[in-house]
Amino acid sequence: MSGQASILERDRAKAWTFVLPALLWTVAFFLVPFVVMAVTSLWQRVGKDIIHTWNLDNYLAFFQKSHFIQALMNSLEVTVLVTVISIALAYPLAWIIAERVPKRWQRLALILAILPFWTSYVVRSYAWLLVFAKNGVLNQTLVGLGIIDVPWELVATRTATVIGFVHFFVMLLTLTIYANLVQLSPNYRRAAADLGAGPVQTFIFVILPLTLPGVMVGAFLTFVLCIGDYITPQILGGNNELVLPQVIMLQIGRSANFPTAAALSIILMIVVTVVYLLCARWLKLERA
């Protein structure tokens, strides 16, 4: 028995050897910053001083100030719109790569699809800024072709922000959906055909339900990355229609109001957590 006990202790020590670095990393770079932010959100900024008295005034202020709520609504509207458009564009692209491109060329097709990831996120946003500018590529082309007489005002609009986001997230969703499509057995289609289902019915009742987990994973990642993004709305959207990350940065940059910024960040995390719980429950039902 002593020999077995020593083996178990040795295995336990080995397990902790592998687990401990990841655990320390999580505690140091997630748990501790989160606790600091949560505590800071309970403080108050009065004048130039931060009062270390714990209360919920910052959270109550969120519901009392309409511009905070409007910023959250803007974030949700942009994020949902980007997610829906990205899914609508990514699914056909992933299906074409998985079903129509020969297997020997699929790897090249995927590389071409993810090329935007190889460019800096900030550079891509500024590239779109050059495209959408009043004297940018798009307006010059449309005016030169006689399609429009007056250049469109696309910079500092929600449209520019959505397009900039979609350009990035279509690639992400394409990868997650493609991974599900290539794992489907051809027997599903054969079985559906034997039962008299046509191509459209097979897609709606067989292929789509089986690939929805991949769609939901990509959609959730899109939601998380989009709703917390500051760069694209700041560069392409300007300050005409603020989203919540922009409001958080304004609280820090203009007034150094760290307690309010922390409270807004916690609220944003709560929204993401709620969406995650909804997605997790939905995926569980789909897999059952």
C-alpha atoms as a PDB file:
ATOM      1  CA  MET A   1       0.000   0.000   0.000  1.00  0.00           C
ATOM      2  CA  SER A   2       2.859   2.365   0.778  1.00  0.00           C
ATOM      3  CA  GLY A   3       4.220   1.824  -2.732  1.00  0.00           C
ATOM      4  CA  GLN A   4       0.879   2.709  -4.320  1.00  0.00           C
ATOM      5  CA  ALA A   5       0.592   5.765  -2.076  1.00  0.00           C
ATOM      6  CA  SER A   6       4.024   6.977  -3.149  1.00  0.00           C
ATOM      7  CA  ILE A   7       3.117   6.477  -6.818  1.00  0.00           C
ATOM      8  CA  LEU A   8      -0.088   8.476  -6.336  1.00  0.00           C
ATOM      9  CA  GLU A   9       1.814  11.251  -4.595  1.00  0.00           C
ATOM     10  CA  ARG A  10       4.391  11.302  -7.392  1.00  0.00           C
ATOM     11  CA  ASP A  11       1.620  11.483 -10.036  1.00  0.00           C
ATOM     12  CA  ARG A  12      -0.083  14.236  -8.086  1.00  0.00           C
ATOM     13  CA  ALA A  13       3.166  16.187  -7.931  1.00  0.00           C
ATOM     14  CA  LYS A  14       3.640  15.778 -11.685  1.00  0.00           C
ATOM     15  CA  ALA A  15       0.079  16.969 -12.290  1.00  0.00           C
ATOM     16  CA  TRP A  16       0.683  20.085 -10.191  1.00  0.00           C
ATOM     17  CA  THR A  17       3.901  20.703 -12.109  1.00  0.00           C
ATOM     18  CA  PHE A  18       1.878  21.042 -15.317  1.00  0.00           C
ATOM     19  CA  VAL A  19      -1.109  22.826 -13.772  1.00  0.00           C
ATOM     20  CA  LEU A  20       0.687  25.320 -11.530  1.00  0.00           C
ATOM     21  CA  PRO A  21       2.169  27.594 -14.261  1.00  0.00           C
ATOM     22  CA  ALA A  22      -1.216  27.986 -15.948  1.00  0.00           C
ATOM     23  CA  LEU A  23      -2.888  28.524 -12.568  1.00  0.00           C
ATOM     24  CA  LEU A  24      -0.371  31.194 -11.550  1.00  0.00           C
ATOM     25  CA  TRP A  25      -0.722  32.889 -14.934  1.00  0.00           C
ATOM     26  CA  THR A  26      -4.523  32.973 -14.583  1.00  0.00           C
ATOM     27  CA  VAL A  27      -4.362  34.323 -11.040  1.00  0.00           C
ATOM     28  CA  ALA A  28      -1.737  36.968 -11.859  1.00  0.00           C
ATOM     29  CA  PHE A  29      -3.143  38.245 -15.147  1.00  0.00           C
ATOM     30  CA  PHE A  30      -6.887  37.643 -14.793  1.00  0.00           C
ATOM     31  CA  LEU A  31      -8.079  37.113 -11.229  1.00  0.00           C
ATOM     32  CA  VAL A  32      -5.953  39.787  -9.546  1.00  0.00           C
ATOM     33  CA  PRO A  33      -6.665  42.503 -12.172  1.00  0.00           C
ATOM     34  CA  PHE A  34     -10.362  41.622 -12.058  1.00  0.00           C
ATOM     35  CA  VAL A  35     -10.479  41.934  -8.246  1.00  0.00           C
ATOM     36  CA  VAL A  36      -8.618  45.265  -8.426  1.00  0.00           C
ATOM     37  CA  MET A  37     -11.055  46.543 -11.054  1.00  0.00           C
ATOM     38  CA  ALA A  38     -14.079  45.332  -9.071  1.00  0.00           C
ATOM     39  CA  VAL A  39     -12.836  47.047  -5.897  1.00  0.00           C
ATOM     40  CA  THR A  40     -11.995  50.238  -7.812  1.00  0.00           C
ATOM     41  CA  SER A  41     -15.520  50.314  -9.241  1.00  0.00           C
ATOM     42  CA  LEU A  42     -16.864  50.687  -5.696  1.00  0.00           C
ATOM     43  CA  TRP A  43     -14.822  53.829  -5.000  1.00  0.00           C
ATOM     44  CA  GLN A  44     -15.709  57.410  -5.855  1.00  0.00           C
ATOM     45  CA  ARG A  45     -13.909  60.235  -7.603  1.00  0.00           C
ATOM     46  CA  VAL A  46     -14.591  63.574  -5.946  1.00  0.00           C
ATOM     47  CA  GLY A  47     -12.809  66.474  -7.610  1.00  0.00           C
ATOM     48  CA  LYS A  48      -9.254  65.300  -8.197  1.00  0.00           C
ATOM     49  CA  ASP A  49      -9.295  62.747  -5.395  1.00  0.00           C
ATOM     50  CA  ILE A  50     -10.477  59.134  -5.323  1.00  0.00           C
ATOM     51  CA  ILE A  51     -12.391  58.387  -2.133  1.00  0.00           C
ATOM     52  CA  HIS A  52     -11.873  54.815  -0.943  1.00  0.00           C
ATOM     53  CA  THR A  53     -15.369  54.322   0.412  1.00  0.00           C
ATOM     54  CA  TRP A  54     -17.278  51.335  -0.903  1.00  0.00           C
ATOM     55  CA  ASN A  55     -20.693  51.978  -2.462  1.00  0.00           C
ATOM     56  CA  LEU A  56     -22.693  51.266  -5.613  1.00  0.00           C
ATOM     57  CA  ASP A  57     -22.982  54.883  -6.783  1.00  0.00           C
ATOM     58  CA  ASN A  58     -21.031  54.245 -10.003  1.00  0.00           C
ATOM     59  CA  TYR A  59     -23.386  51.446 -10.977  1.00  0.00           C
ATOM     60  CA  LEU A  60     -26.438  53.527 -10.095  1.00  0.00           C
ATOM     61  CA  ALA A  61     -25.020  56.377 -12.188  1.00  0.00           C
ATOM     62  CA  PHE A  62     -24.948  54.073 -15.191  1.00  0.00           C
ATOM     63  CA  PHE A  63     -28.736  53.701 -15.067  1.00  0.00           C
ATOM     64  CA  GLN A  64     -29.275  57.372 -14.267  1.00  0.00           C
ATOM     65  CA  LYS A  65     -27.183  58.819 -17.098  1.00  0.00           C
ATOM     66  CA  SER A  66     -28.748  58.327 -20.507  1.00  0.00           C
ATOM     67  CA  HIS A  67     -25.467  58.622 -22.440  1.00  0.00           C
ATOM     68  CA  PHE A  68     -24.091  55.564 -20.639  1.00  0.00           C
ATOM     69  CA  ILE A  69     -27.131  53.485 -21.532  1.00  0.00           C
ATOM     70  CA  GLN A  70     -27.085  54.826 -25.099  1.00  0.00           C
ATOM     71  CA  ALA A  71     -23.429  53.836 -25.444  1.00  0.00           C
ATOM     72  CA  LEU A  72     -24.265  50.289 -24.348  1.00  0.00           C
ATOM     73  CA  MET A  73     -27.180  50.167 -26.791  1.00  0.00           C
ATOM     74  CA  ASN A  74     -24.901  51.392 -29.583  1.00  0.00           C
ATOM     75  CA  SER A  75     -22.412  48.647 -28.725  1.00  0.00           C
ATOM     76  CA  LEU A  76     -25.114  45.972 -28.757  1.00  0.00           C
ATOM     77  CA  GLU A  77     -26.654  47.210 -32.008  1.00  0.00           C
ATOM     78  CA  VAL A  78     -23.312  47.364 -33.828  1.00  0.00           C
ATOM     79  CA  THR A  79     -22.212  44.000 -32.454  1.00  0.00           C
ATOM     80  CA  VAL A  80     -25.430  42.196 -33.372  1.00  0.00           C
ATOM     81  CA  LEU A  81     -25.417  43.753 -36.846  1.00  0.00           C
ATOM     82  CA  VAL A  82     -21.777  42.789 -37.421  1.00  0.00           C
ATOM     83  CA  THR A  83     -22.392  39.241 -36.189  1.00  0.00           C
ATOM     84  CA  VAL A  84     -25.434  38.698 -38.429  1.00  0.00           C
ATOM     85  CA  ILE A  85     -23.755  40.127 -41.549  1.00  0.00           C
ATOM     86  CA  SER A  86     -20.546  38.194 -40.870  1.00  0.00           C
ATOM     87  CA  ILE A  87     -22.449  34.908 -40.555  1.00  0.00           C
ATOM     88  CA  ALA A  88     -24.391  35.617 -43.749  1.00  0.00           C
ATOM     89  CA  LEU A  89     -21.148  36.196 -45.665  1.00  0.00           C
ATOM     90  CA  ALA A  90     -18.950  33.602 -43.967  1.00  0.00           C
ATOM     91  CA  TYR A  91     -21.235  30.590 -44.321  1.00  0.00           C
ATOM     92  CA  PRO A  92     -21.364  30.639 -48.148  1.00  0.00           C
ATOM     93  CA  LEU A  93     -17.609  31.259 -48.286  1.00  0.00           C
ATOM     94  CA  ALA A  94     -16.889  28.358 -45.930  1.00  0.00           C
ATOM     95  CA  TRP A  95     -19.294  26.109 -47.873  1.00  0.00           C
ATOM     96  CA  ILE A  96     -17.638  26.952 -51.201  1.00  0.00           C
ATOM     97  CA  ILE A  97     -14.184  26.172 -49.805  1.00  0.00           C
ATOM     98  CA  ALA A  98     -15.340  22.925 -48.185  1.00  0.00           C
ATOM     99  CA  GLU A  99     -17.638  21.662 -50.951  1.00  0.00           C
ATOM    100  CA  ARG A 100     -16.593  23.199 -54.242  1.00  0.00           C
ATOM    101  CA  VAL A 101     -12.847  23.749 -53.971  1.00  0.00           C
ATOM    102  CA  PRO A 102     -10.820  20.565 -54.637  1.00  0.00           C
ATOM    103  CA  LYS A 103      -9.158  19.177 -51.524  1.00  0.00           C
ATOM    104  CA  ARG A 104      -5.660  19.866 -52.833  1.00  0.00           C
ATOM    105  CA  TRP A 105      -6.529  23.565 -53.194  1.00  0.00           C
ATOM    106  CA  GLN A 106      -8.487  24.013 -49.955  1.00  0.00           C
ATOM    107  CA  ARG A 107      -5.406  24.824 -47.878  1.00  0.00           C
ATOM    108  CA  LEU A 108      -4.449  27.570 -50.324  1.00  0.00           C
ATOM    109  CA  ALA A 109      -8.017  28.889 -50.294  1.00  0.00           C
ATOM    110  CA  LEU A 110      -7.974  29.060 -46.490  1.00  0.00           C
ATOM    111  CA  ILE A 111      -4.628  30.881 -46.543  1.00  0.00           C
ATOM    112  CA  LEU A 112      -6.055  33.442 -48.955  1.00  0.00           C
ATOM    113  CA  ALA A 113      -9.153  33.769 -46.756  1.00  0.00           C
ATOM    114  CA  ILE A 114      -7.151  34.542 -43.613  1.00  0.00           C
ATOM    115  CA  LEU A 115      -4.678  36.924 -45.244  1.00  0.00           C
ATOM    116  CA  PRO A 116      -6.274  39.927 -43.457  1.00  0.00           C
ATOM    117  CA  PHE A 117      -5.154  38.393 -40.145  1.00  0.00           C
ATOM    118  CA  TRP A 118      -1.543  38.844 -41.246  1.00  0.00           C
ATOM    119  CA  THR A 119      -1.924  42.607 -41.294  1.00  0.00           C
ATOM    120  CA  SER A 120      -1.955  44.750 -38.171  1.00  0.00           C
ATOM    121  CA  TYR A 121      -5.450  45.417 -36.849  1.00  0.00           C
ATOM    122  CA  VAL A 122      -4.732  49.144 -36.628  1.00  0.00           C
ATOM    123  CA  VAL A 123      -3.341  49.218 -40.175  1.00  0.00           C
ATOM    124  CA  ARG A 124      -6.490  47.554 -41.515  1.00  0.00           C
ATOM    125  CA  SER A 125      -8.675  50.129 -39.799  1.00  0.00           C
ATOM    126  CA  TYR A 126      -6.656  53.014 -41.233  1.00  0.00           C
ATOM    127  CA  ALA A 127      -6.751  51.356 -44.649  1.00  0.00           C
ATOM    128  CA  TRP A 128     -10.543  51.434 -44.535  1.00  0.00           C
ATOM    129  CA  LEU A 129     -10.320  55.057 -43.455  1.00  0.00           C
ATOM    130  CA  LEU A 130      -8.454  55.822 -46.681  1.00  0.00           C
ATOM    131  CA  VAL A 131     -11.098  53.959 -48.671  1.00  0.00           C
ATOM    132  CA  PHE A 132     -14.035  55.760 -47.032  1.00  0.00           C
ATOM    133  CA  ALA A 133     -12.524  59.257 -46.934  1.00  0.00           C
ATOM    134  CA  LYS A 134     -14.308  62.040 -48.785  1.00  0.00           C
ATOM    135  CA  ASN A 135     -11.524  61.999 -51.377  1.00  0.00           C
ATOM    136  CA  GLY A 136     -10.823  58.318 -50.866  1.00  0.00           C
ATOM    137  CA  VAL A 137     -10.751  55.444 -53.317  1.00  0.00           C
ATOM    138  CA  LEU A 138     -14.460  54.652 -53.101  1.00  0.00           C
ATOM    139  CA  ASN A 139     -15.748  58.174 -53.625  1.00  0.00           C
ATOM    140  CA  GLN A 140     -13.270  58.937 -56.397  1.00  0.00           C
ATOM    141  CA  THR A 141     -14.286  55.767 -58.219  1.00  0.00           C
ATOM    142  CA  LEU A 142     -18.019  56.410 -57.890  1.00  0.00           C
ATOM    143  CA  VAL A 143     -17.693  60.058 -58.919  1.00  0.00           C
ATOM    144  CA  GLY A 144     -15.415  59.133 -61.834  1.00  0.00           C
ATOM    145  CA  LEU A 145     -17.961  56.577 -63.087  1.00  0.00           C
ATOM    146  CA  GLY A 146     -20.747  59.137 -62.790  1.00  0.00           C
ATOM    147  CA  ILE A 147     -22.696  57.036 -60.294  1.00  0.00           C
ATOM    148  CA  ILE A 148     -22.771  59.848 -57.727  1.00  0.00           C
ATOM    149  CA  ASP A 149     -22.268  63.600 -58.032  1.00  0.00           C
ATOM    150  CA  VAL A 150     -21.406  64.411 -54.433  1.00  0.00           C
ATOM    151  CA  PRO A 151     -18.963  62.264 -52.412  1.00  0.00           C
ATOM    152  CA  TRP A 152     -20.541  60.200 -49.667  1.00  0.00           C
ATOM    153  CA  GLU A 153     -19.804  61.061 -46.054  1.00  0.00           C
ATOM    154  CA  LEU A 154     -18.823  57.610 -44.815  1.00  0.00           C
ATOM    155  CA  VAL A 155     -16.093  58.439 -42.323  1.00  0.00           C
ATOM    156  CA  ALA A 156     -17.246  58.751 -38.705  1.00  0.00           C
ATOM    157  CA  THR A 157     -20.419  56.757 -39.323  1.00  0.00           C
ATOM    158  CA  ARG A 158     -21.819  53.473 -38.062  1.00  0.00           C
ATOM    159  CA  THR A 159     -21.665  52.106 -41.613  1.00  0.00           C
ATOM    160  CA  ALA A 160     -17.892  52.497 -41.729  1.00  0.00           C
ATOM    161  CA  THR A 161     -17.532  50.851 -38.317  1.00  0.00           C
ATOM    162  CA  VAL A 162     -19.689  47.889 -39.317  1.00  0.00           C
ATOM    163  CA  ILE A 163     -17.826  47.346 -42.596  1.00  0.00           C
ATOM    164  CA  GLY A 164     -14.466  47.511 -40.825  1.00  0.00           C
ATOM    165  CA  PHE A 165     -15.626  44.934 -38.288  1.00  0.00           C
ATOM    166  CA  VAL A 166     -17.191  42.630 -40.881  1.00  0.00           C
ATOM    167  CA  HIS A 167     -13.996  42.611 -42.934  1.00  0.00           C
ATOM    168  CA  PHE A 168     -12.193  41.118 -39.946  1.00  0.00           C
ATOM    169  CA  PHE A 169     -14.800  38.779 -38.483  1.00  0.00           C
ATOM    170  CA  VAL A 170     -15.906  37.139 -41.734  1.00  0.00           C
ATOM    171  CA  MET A 171     -12.522  35.437 -41.803  1.00  0.00           C
ATOM    172  CA  LEU A 172     -12.889  34.209 -38.217  1.00  0.00           C
ATOM    173  CA  LEU A 173     -16.344  32.791 -38.831  1.00  0.00           C
ATOM    174  CA  THR A 174     -15.240  31.198 -42.078  1.00  0.00           C
ATOM    175  CA  LEU A 175     -12.647  29.149 -40.208  1.00  0.00           C
ATOM    176  CA  THR A 176     -15.058  27.924 -37.509  1.00  0.00           C
ATOM    177  CA  ILE A 177     -17.791  27.040 -40.006  1.00  0.00           C
ATOM    178  CA  TYR A 178     -15.352  25.368 -42.394  1.00  0.00           C
ATOM    179  CA  ALA A 179     -14.033  23.200 -39.553  1.00  0.00           C
ATOM    180  CA  ASN A 180     -17.559  21.881 -38.991  1.00  0.00           C
ATOM    181  CA  LEU A 181     -18.353  21.376 -42.668  1.00  0.00           C
ATOM    182  CA  VAL A 182     -15.294  19.251 -43.423  1.00  0.00           C
ATOM    183  CA  GLN A 183     -16.084  16.965 -40.487  1.00  0.00           C
ATOM    184  CA  LEU A 184     -19.537  16.033 -41.808  1.00  0.00           C
ATOM    185  CA  SER A 185     -19.757  12.534 -43.193  1.00  0.00           C
ATOM    186  CA  PRO A 186     -21.077  12.208 -46.780  1.00  0.00           C
ATOM    187  CA  ASN A 187     -23.424   9.539 -45.407  1.00  0.00           C
ATOM    188  CA  TYR A 188     -25.690  12.280 -44.053  1.00  0.00           C
ATOM    189  CA  ARG A 189     -26.348  13.572 -47.556  1.00  0.00           C
ATOM    190  CA  ARG A 190     -26.799  10.046 -48.924  1.00  0.00           C
ATOM    191  CA  ALA A 191     -29.282   9.204 -46.198  1.00  0.00           C
ATOM    192  CA  ALA A 192     -31.227  12.413 -46.837  1.00  0.00           C
ATOM    193  CA  ALA A 193     -31.276  11.686 -50.574  1.00  0.00           C
ATOM    194  CA  ASP A 194     -32.517   8.130 -49.941  1.00  0.00           C
ATOM    195  CA  LEU A 195     -35.375   9.579 -47.923  1.00  0.00           C
ATOM    196  CA  GLY A 196     -36.340  11.824 -50.830  1.00  0.00           C
ATOM    197  CA  ALA A 197     -34.859  15.122 -49.641  1.00  0.00           C
ATOM    198  CA  GLY A 198     -33.610  17.551 -52.277  1.00  0.00           C
ATOM    199  CA  PRO A 199     -30.467  19.701 -51.973  1.00  0.00           C
ATOM    200  CA  VAL A 200     -32.328  22.581 -50.291  1.00  0.00           C
ATOM    201  CA  GLN A 201     -34.117  20.313 -47.816  1.00  0.00           C
ATOM    202  CA  THR A 202     -30.875  18.477 -47.058  1.00  0.00           C
ATOM    203  CA  PHE A 203     -29.143  21.754 -46.292  1.00  0.00           C
ATOM    204  CA  ILE A 204     -31.951  23.173 -44.135  1.00  0.00           C
ATOM    205  CA  PHE A 205     -32.784  20.047 -42.137  1.00  0.00           C
ATOM    206  CA  VAL A 206     -29.447  18.198 -42.080  1.00  0.00           C
ATOM    207  CA  ILE A 207     -26.362  20.275 -42.925  1.00  0.00           C
ATOM    208  CA  LEU A 208     -27.340  23.517 -41.207  1.00  0.00           C
ATOM    209  CA  PRO A 209     -28.337  21.974 -37.837  1.00  0.00           C
ATOM    210  CA  LEU A 210     -25.152  19.907 -37.762  1.00  0.00           C
ATOM    211  CA  THR A 211     -22.950  22.937 -38.438  1.00  0.00           C
ATOM    212  CA  LEU A 212     -24.745  25.321 -36.084  1.00  0.00           C
ATOM    213  CA  PRO A 213     -22.310  24.618 -33.202  1.00  0.00           C
ATOM    214  CA  GLY A 214     -19.497  25.969 -35.389  1.00  0.00           C
ATOM    215  CA  VAL A 215     -21.630  28.962 -36.305  1.00  0.00           C
ATOM    216  CA  MET A 216     -22.407  29.648 -32.653  1.00  0.00           C
ATOM    217  CA  VAL A 217     -18.759  29.374 -31.598  1.00  0.00           C
ATOM    218  CA  GLY A 218     -17.757  31.862 -34.289  1.00  0.00           C
ATOM    219  CA  ALA A 219     -20.709  34.117 -33.490  1.00  0.00           C
ATOM    220  CA  PHE A 220     -19.825  34.205 -29.802  1.00  0.00           C
ATOM    221  CA  LEU A 221     -16.176  34.988 -30.521  1.00  0.00           C
ATOM    222  CA  THR A 222     -17.331  37.725 -32.883  1.00  0.00           C
ATOM    223  CA  PHE A 223     -19.644  39.134 -30.215  1.00  0.00           C
ATOM    224  CA  VAL A 224     -16.942  39.173 -27.528  1.00  0.00           C
ATOM    225  CA  LEU A 225     -14.243  40.725 -29.714  1.00  0.00           C
ATOM    226  CA  CYS A 226     -16.581  43.231 -31.334  1.00  0.00           C
ATOM    227  CA  ILE A 227     -18.390  44.548 -28.249  1.00  0.00           C
ATOM    228  CA  GLY A 228     -15.109  45.121 -26.424  1.00  0.00           C
ATOM    229  CA  ASP A 229     -13.252  46.724 -29.321  1.00  0.00           C
ATOM    230  CA  TYR A 230     -12.129  50.330 -29.088  1.00  0.00           C
ATOM    231  CA  ILE A 231      -9.830  50.785 -32.085  1.00  0.00           C
ATOM    232  CA  THR A 232     -12.207  50.323 -35.029  1.00  0.00           C
ATOM    233  CA  PRO A 233     -15.056  52.480 -33.614  1.00  0.00           C
ATOM    234  CA  GLN A 234     -12.546  55.184 -32.727  1.00  0.00           C
ATOM    235  CA  ILE A 235     -10.843  55.245 -36.137  1.00  0.00           C
ATOM    236  CA  LEU A 236     -13.828  54.629 -38.419  1.00  0.00           C
ATOM    237  CA  GLY A 237     -16.752  55.717 -36.246  1.00  0.00           C
ATOM    238  CA  GLY A 238     -15.204  58.782 -34.684  1.00  0.00           C
ATOM    239  CA  ASN A 239     -16.991  60.343 -31.737  1.00  0.00           C
ATOM    240  CA  ASN A 240     -20.376  60.869 -33.361  1.00  0.00           C
ATOM    241  CA  GLU A 241     -21.915  57.668 -32.019  1.00  0.00           C
ATOM    242  CA  LEU A 242     -19.961  56.409 -29.041  1.00  0.00           C
ATOM    243  CA  VAL A 243     -19.867  52.765 -28.042  1.00  0.00           C
ATOM    244  CA  LEU A 244     -19.208  51.690 -24.473  1.00  0.00           C
ATOM    245  CA  PRO A 245     -15.443  51.008 -24.857  1.00  0.00           C
ATOM    246  CA  GLN A 246     -15.033  54.565 -26.166  1.00  0.00           C
ATOM    247  CA  VAL A 247     -16.931  55.930 -23.165  1.00  0.00           C
ATOM    248  CA  ILE A 248     -14.690  53.911 -20.852  1.00  0.00           C
ATOM    249  CA  MET A 249     -11.573  55.336 -22.500  1.00  0.00           C
ATOM    250  CA  LEU A 250     -12.997  58.859 -22.229  1.00  0.00           C
ATOM    251  CA  GLN A 251     -13.516  58.371 -18.499  1.00  0.00           C
ATOM    252  CA  ILE A 252      -9.845  57.461 -18.187  1.00  0.00           C
ATOM    253  CA  GLY A 253      -8.286  59.827 -20.708  1.00  0.00           C
ATOM    254  CA  ARG A 254     -10.221  63.022 -20.061  1.00  0.00           C
ATOM    255  CA  SER A 255     -11.130  62.941 -16.376  1.00  0.00           C
ATOM    256  CA  ALA A 256      -9.028  60.087 -14.938  1.00  0.00           C
ATOM    257  CA  ASN A 257     -12.259  58.753 -13.447  1.00  0.00           C
ATOM    258  CA  PHE A 258     -10.999  55.225 -12.844  1.00  0.00           C
ATOM    259  CA  PRO A 259     -13.884  54.156 -10.558  1.00  0.00           C
ATOM    260  CA  THR A 260     -16.515  54.961 -13.199  1.00  0.00           C
ATOM    261  CA  ALA A 261     -14.426  53.361 -15.942  1.00  0.00           C
ATOM    262  CA  ALA A 262     -14.058  50.232 -13.801  1.00  0.00           C
ATOM    263  CA  ALA A 263     -17.800  50.078 -13.162  1.00  0.00           C
ATOM    264  CA  LEU A 264     -18.555  50.410 -16.877  1.00  0.00           C
ATOM    265  CA  SER A 265     -16.033  47.659 -17.607  1.00  0.00           C
ATOM    266  CA  ILE A 266     -17.704  45.358 -15.077  1.00  0.00           C
ATOM    267  CA  ILE A 267     -21.081  46.050 -16.697  1.00  0.00           C
ATOM    268  CA  LEU A 268     -19.615  45.196 -20.092  1.00  0.00           C
ATOM    269  CA  MET A 269     -18.246  41.945 -18.682  1.00  0.00           C
ATOM    270  CA  ILE A 270     -21.666  41.118 -17.238  1.00  0.00           C
ATOM    271  CA  VAL A 271     -23.241  41.585 -20.668  1.00  0.00           C
ATOM    272  CA  VAL A 272     -20.665  39.260 -22.235  1.00  0.00           C
ATOM    273  CA  THR A 273     -21.229  36.702 -19.464  1.00  0.00           C
ATOM    274  CA  VAL A 274     -24.983  36.731 -20.041  1.00  0.00           C
ATOM    275  CA  VAL A 275     -24.478  36.196 -23.765  1.00  0.00           C
ATOM    276  CA  TYR A 276     -22.082  33.352 -23.039  1.00  0.00           C
ATOM    277  CA  LEU A 277     -24.606  31.645 -20.761  1.00  0.00           C
ATOM    278  CA  LEU A 278     -27.293  31.990 -23.416  1.00  0.00           C
ATOM    279  CA  CYS A 279     -25.015  30.547 -26.096  1.00  0.00           C
ATOM    280  CA  ALA A 280     -23.828  27.710 -23.854  1.00  0.00           C
ATOM    281  CA  ARG A 281     -27.379  26.703 -23.051  1.00  0.00           C
ATOM    282  CA  TRP A 282     -28.380  26.864 -26.721  1.00  0.00           C
ATOM    283  CA  LEU A 283     -25.418  24.745 -27.793  1.00  0.00           C
ATOM    284  CA  LYS A 284     -26.237  22.183 -25.130  1.00  0.00           C
ATOM    285  CA  LEU A 285     -29.766  21.878 -26.494  1.00  0.00           C
ATOM    286  CA  GLU A 286     -28.482  21.530 -30.045  1.00  0.00           C
ATOM    287  CA  ARG A 287     -26.118  18.729 -29.142  1.00  0.00           C
ATOM    288  CA  ALA A 288     -28.734  16.793 -27.162  1.00  0.00           C
END
